[in-house]
Amino acid sequence: MKKYVVFIGSFIVLLFAFQIVSGLFLTLTYVPDLSQPLSNSTVSVFSFNYPFLSSIIAATFSFIISNKVCKVKKSTYK
């Protein structure tokens, strides 16, 4: 149960961090098209499903963190 709690906690923190960093990156790299100021179309920098990719990366790192934390805890009790 503790391994599950560590995984979920680290997943939430890492996913939140990836979302903040990606939002900052997209905001900093956005260049508006001044030739068409009244245009309603927006162009995304990423043409793939970025939230899915960031959740996969966060889940992978969370799995690694939870395995390392639980391995350290088990080895100290022996």
N, C-alpha and C. Protein backbone atom coordinates (compact mmCIF):
# COMPACT_ATOMS: atom_id res chain seq x y z
N MET A 1 0.83 -1.20 0.00
CA MET A 1 0.00 0.00 0.00
C MET A 1 0.87 1.25 0.00
N LYS A 2 1.97 1.19 0.73
CA LYS A 2 2.84 2.36 0.80
C LYS A 2 3.47 2.66 -0.56
N LYS A 3 3.79 1.60 -1.31
CA LYS A 3 4.37 1.79 -2.64
C LYS A 3 3.36 2.50 -3.55
N TYR A 4 2.10 2.14 -3.43
CA TYR A 4 1.04 2.77 -4.22
C TYR A 4 0.91 4.25 -3.87
N VAL A 5 0.95 4.57 -2.58
CA VAL A 5 0.82 5.96 -2.14
C VAL A 5 2.01 6.79 -2.63
N VAL A 6 3.21 6.22 -2.57
CA VAL A 6 4.39 6.94 -3.07
C VAL A 6 4.27 7.16 -4.57
N PHE A 7 3.80 6.15 -5.29
CA PHE A 7 3.64 6.28 -6.74
C PHE A 7 2.63 7.38 -7.08
N ILE A 8 1.47 7.35 -6.46
CA ILE A 8 0.43 8.33 -6.76
C ILE A 8 0.88 9.74 -6.37
N GLY A 9 1.51 9.87 -5.22
CA GLY A 9 1.99 11.19 -4.80
C GLY A 9 3.03 11.75 -5.73
N SER A 10 4.01 10.94 -6.11
CA SER A 10 5.05 11.43 -7.02
C SER A 10 4.48 11.67 -8.41
N PHE A 11 3.49 10.86 -8.83
CA PHE A 11 2.87 11.08 -10.14
C PHE A 11 2.15 12.43 -10.20
N ILE A 12 1.41 12.75 -9.15
CA ILE A 12 0.69 14.02 -9.12
C ILE A 12 1.65 15.20 -9.14
N VAL A 13 2.71 15.11 -8.35
CA VAL A 13 3.69 16.21 -8.29
C VAL A 13 4.41 16.36 -9.63
N LEU A 14 4.84 15.25 -10.22
CA LEU A 14 5.55 15.34 -11.49
C LEU A 14 4.65 15.78 -12.64
N LEU A 15 3.43 15.31 -12.67
CA LEU A 15 2.52 15.75 -13.73
C LEU A 15 2.23 17.24 -13.62
N PHE A 16 2.03 17.72 -12.40
CA PHE A 16 1.82 19.15 -12.18
C PHE A 16 3.05 19.94 -12.63
N ALA A 17 4.24 19.46 -12.30
CA ALA A 17 5.46 20.15 -12.70
C ALA A 17 5.62 20.17 -14.21
N PHE A 18 5.35 19.03 -14.88
CA PHE A 18 5.44 18.99 -16.34
C PHE A 18 4.44 19.95 -16.99
N GLN A 19 3.26 20.06 -16.45
CA GLN A 19 2.26 20.96 -17.01
C GLN A 19 2.68 22.42 -16.86
N ILE A 20 3.24 22.77 -15.70
CA ILE A 20 3.71 24.15 -15.48
C ILE A 20 4.86 24.48 -16.42
N VAL A 21 5.84 23.57 -16.52
CA VAL A 21 7.00 23.81 -17.39
C VAL A 21 6.58 23.90 -18.85
N SER A 22 5.69 23.02 -19.28
CA SER A 22 5.26 23.08 -20.68
C SER A 22 4.45 24.35 -20.96
N GLY A 23 3.65 24.78 -20.01
CA GLY A 23 2.92 26.03 -20.18
C GLY A 23 3.85 27.23 -20.27
N LEU A 24 4.88 27.25 -19.44
CA LEU A 24 5.87 28.32 -19.52
C LEU A 24 6.61 28.29 -20.85
N PHE A 25 6.98 27.09 -21.29
CA PHE A 25 7.69 26.96 -22.57
C PHE A 25 6.82 27.44 -23.73
N LEU A 26 5.57 27.02 -23.76
CA LEU A 26 4.68 27.43 -24.85
C LEU A 26 4.41 28.92 -24.82
N THR A 27 4.31 29.50 -23.63
CA THR A 27 4.09 30.94 -23.52
C THR A 27 5.31 31.72 -23.97
N LEU A 28 6.49 31.26 -23.60
CA LEU A 28 7.71 31.97 -23.97
C LEU A 28 8.04 31.85 -25.45
N THR A 29 7.65 30.75 -26.09
CA THR A 29 8.00 30.56 -27.50
C THR A 29 6.89 30.99 -28.46
N TYR A 30 5.77 31.47 -27.95
CA TYR A 30 4.66 31.87 -28.82
C TYR A 30 5.00 33.20 -29.51
N VAL A 31 4.87 33.21 -30.82
CA VAL A 31 5.09 34.43 -31.60
C VAL A 31 3.81 34.69 -32.38
N PRO A 32 3.11 35.78 -32.06
CA PRO A 32 1.85 36.05 -32.77
C PRO A 32 2.11 36.49 -34.21
N ASP A 33 1.17 36.16 -35.07
CA ASP A 33 1.26 36.56 -36.48
C ASP A 33 0.65 37.94 -36.61
N LEU A 34 1.48 38.94 -36.84
CA LEU A 34 1.01 40.33 -36.89
C LEU A 34 0.39 40.70 -38.23
N SER A 35 0.53 39.85 -39.25
CA SER A 35 -0.05 40.17 -40.55
C SER A 35 -1.57 39.96 -40.55
N GLN A 36 -2.08 39.14 -39.66
CA GLN A 36 -3.51 38.89 -39.56
C GLN A 36 -3.96 39.07 -38.11
N PRO A 37 -4.09 40.30 -37.65
CA PRO A 37 -4.39 40.51 -36.23
C PRO A 37 -5.80 40.10 -35.82
N LEU A 38 -6.75 40.06 -36.73
CA LEU A 38 -8.12 39.72 -36.37
C LEU A 38 -8.45 38.26 -36.64
N SER A 39 -7.45 37.48 -36.94
CA SER A 39 -7.68 36.07 -37.22
C SER A 39 -7.99 35.32 -35.93
N ASN A 40 -8.94 34.41 -35.99
CA ASN A 40 -9.32 33.63 -34.81
C ASN A 40 -8.61 32.28 -34.74
N SER A 41 -7.82 31.96 -35.75
CA SER A 41 -7.17 30.65 -35.75
C SER A 41 -5.89 30.71 -34.92
N THR A 42 -5.67 29.67 -34.18
CA THR A 42 -4.43 29.56 -33.40
C THR A 42 -3.67 28.34 -33.88
N VAL A 43 -2.35 28.44 -33.86
CA VAL A 43 -1.50 27.35 -34.31
C VAL A 43 -0.72 26.85 -33.11
N SER A 44 -0.78 25.57 -32.89
CA SER A 44 -0.07 24.96 -31.77
C SER A 44 1.35 24.63 -32.18
N VAL A 45 2.27 24.81 -31.25
CA VAL A 45 3.66 24.46 -31.51
C VAL A 45 3.80 22.95 -31.60
N PHE A 46 3.07 22.22 -30.77
CA PHE A 46 3.14 20.77 -30.76
C PHE A 46 1.96 20.21 -31.55
N SER A 47 2.27 19.35 -32.51
CA SER A 47 1.19 18.76 -33.31
C SER A 47 0.80 17.37 -32.78
N PHE A 48 1.42 16.92 -31.71
CA PHE A 48 1.07 15.63 -31.14
C PHE A 48 0.34 15.84 -29.82
N ASN A 49 -0.07 14.76 -29.22
CA ASN A 49 -0.85 14.82 -27.99
C ASN A 49 0.08 15.01 -26.79
N TYR A 50 0.38 16.25 -26.46
CA TYR A 50 1.34 16.55 -25.40
C TYR A 50 0.87 16.12 -24.01
N PRO A 51 -0.38 16.30 -23.62
CA PRO A 51 -0.78 15.83 -22.29
C PRO A 51 -0.59 14.33 -22.10
N PHE A 52 -0.83 13.55 -23.13
CA PHE A 52 -0.61 12.10 -23.03
C PHE A 52 0.87 11.80 -22.85
N LEU A 53 1.72 12.48 -23.60
CA LEU A 53 3.16 12.27 -23.49
C LEU A 53 3.68 12.68 -22.11
N SER A 54 3.22 13.81 -21.60
CA SER A 54 3.68 14.26 -20.29
C SER A 54 3.19 13.32 -19.18
N SER A 55 2.00 12.75 -19.34
CA SER A 55 1.53 11.82 -18.31
C SER A 55 2.31 10.51 -18.36
N ILE A 56 2.71 10.06 -19.54
CA ILE A 56 3.53 8.85 -19.66
C ILE A 56 4.90 9.08 -19.03
N ILE A 57 5.51 10.23 -19.28
CA ILE A 57 6.81 10.55 -18.69
C ILE A 57 6.69 10.65 -17.18
N ALA A 58 5.65 11.31 -16.69
CA ALA A 58 5.45 11.44 -15.24
C ALA A 58 5.21 10.08 -14.60
N ALA A 59 4.46 9.22 -15.25
CA ALA A 59 4.20 7.88 -14.70
C ALA A 59 5.48 7.05 -14.66
N THR A 60 6.31 7.18 -15.68
CA THR A 60 7.58 6.45 -15.71
C THR A 60 8.49 6.88 -14.57
N PHE A 61 8.66 8.20 -14.41
CA PHE A 61 9.50 8.69 -13.33
C PHE A 61 8.91 8.35 -11.96
N SER A 62 7.60 8.37 -11.84
CA SER A 62 6.95 8.02 -10.57
C SER A 62 7.18 6.55 -10.23
N PHE A 63 7.13 5.69 -11.23
CA PHE A 63 7.39 4.28 -11.01
C PHE A 63 8.83 4.06 -10.53
N ILE A 64 9.77 4.76 -11.15
CA ILE A 64 11.18 4.65 -10.75
C ILE A 64 11.37 5.16 -9.33
N ILE A 65 10.76 6.29 -9.01
CA ILE A 65 10.88 6.86 -7.66
C ILE A 65 10.27 5.93 -6.62
N SER A 66 9.08 5.39 -6.90
CA SER A 66 8.44 4.52 -5.93
C SER A 66 9.23 3.24 -5.70
N ASN A 67 9.83 2.70 -6.76
CA ASN A 67 10.66 1.51 -6.60
C ASN A 67 11.91 1.80 -5.78
N LYS A 68 12.53 2.95 -6.01
CA LYS A 68 13.74 3.29 -5.26
C LYS A 68 13.43 3.59 -3.80
N VAL A 69 12.34 4.28 -3.52
CA VAL A 69 11.98 4.60 -2.14
C VAL A 69 11.64 3.33 -1.37
N CYS A 70 10.87 2.45 -1.98
CA CYS A 70 10.49 1.22 -1.28
C CYS A 70 11.66 0.26 -1.14
N LYS A 71 12.60 0.26 -2.09
CA LYS A 71 13.77 -0.58 -1.99
C LYS A 71 14.68 -0.11 -0.85
N VAL A 72 14.84 1.21 -0.73
CA VAL A 72 15.66 1.76 0.35
C VAL A 72 15.03 1.46 1.70
N LYS A 73 13.73 1.59 1.80
CA LYS A 73 13.02 1.31 3.06
C LYS A 73 13.17 -0.16 3.44
N LYS A 74 13.04 -1.08 2.48
CA LYS A 74 13.13 -2.50 2.79
C LYS A 74 14.55 -2.89 3.21
N SER A 75 15.56 -2.32 2.57
CA SER A 75 16.92 -2.70 2.89
C SER A 75 17.36 -2.15 4.26
N THR A 76 16.76 -1.07 4.74
CA THR A 76 17.16 -0.54 6.05
C THR A 76 16.56 -1.34 7.18
N TYR A 77 15.48 -2.08 6.94
CA TYR A 77 14.85 -2.86 8.00
C TYR A 77 15.46 -4.25 8.17
N LYS A 78 16.26 -4.70 7.22
CA LYS A 78 16.83 -6.05 7.30
C LYS A 78 18.03 -6.10 8.22
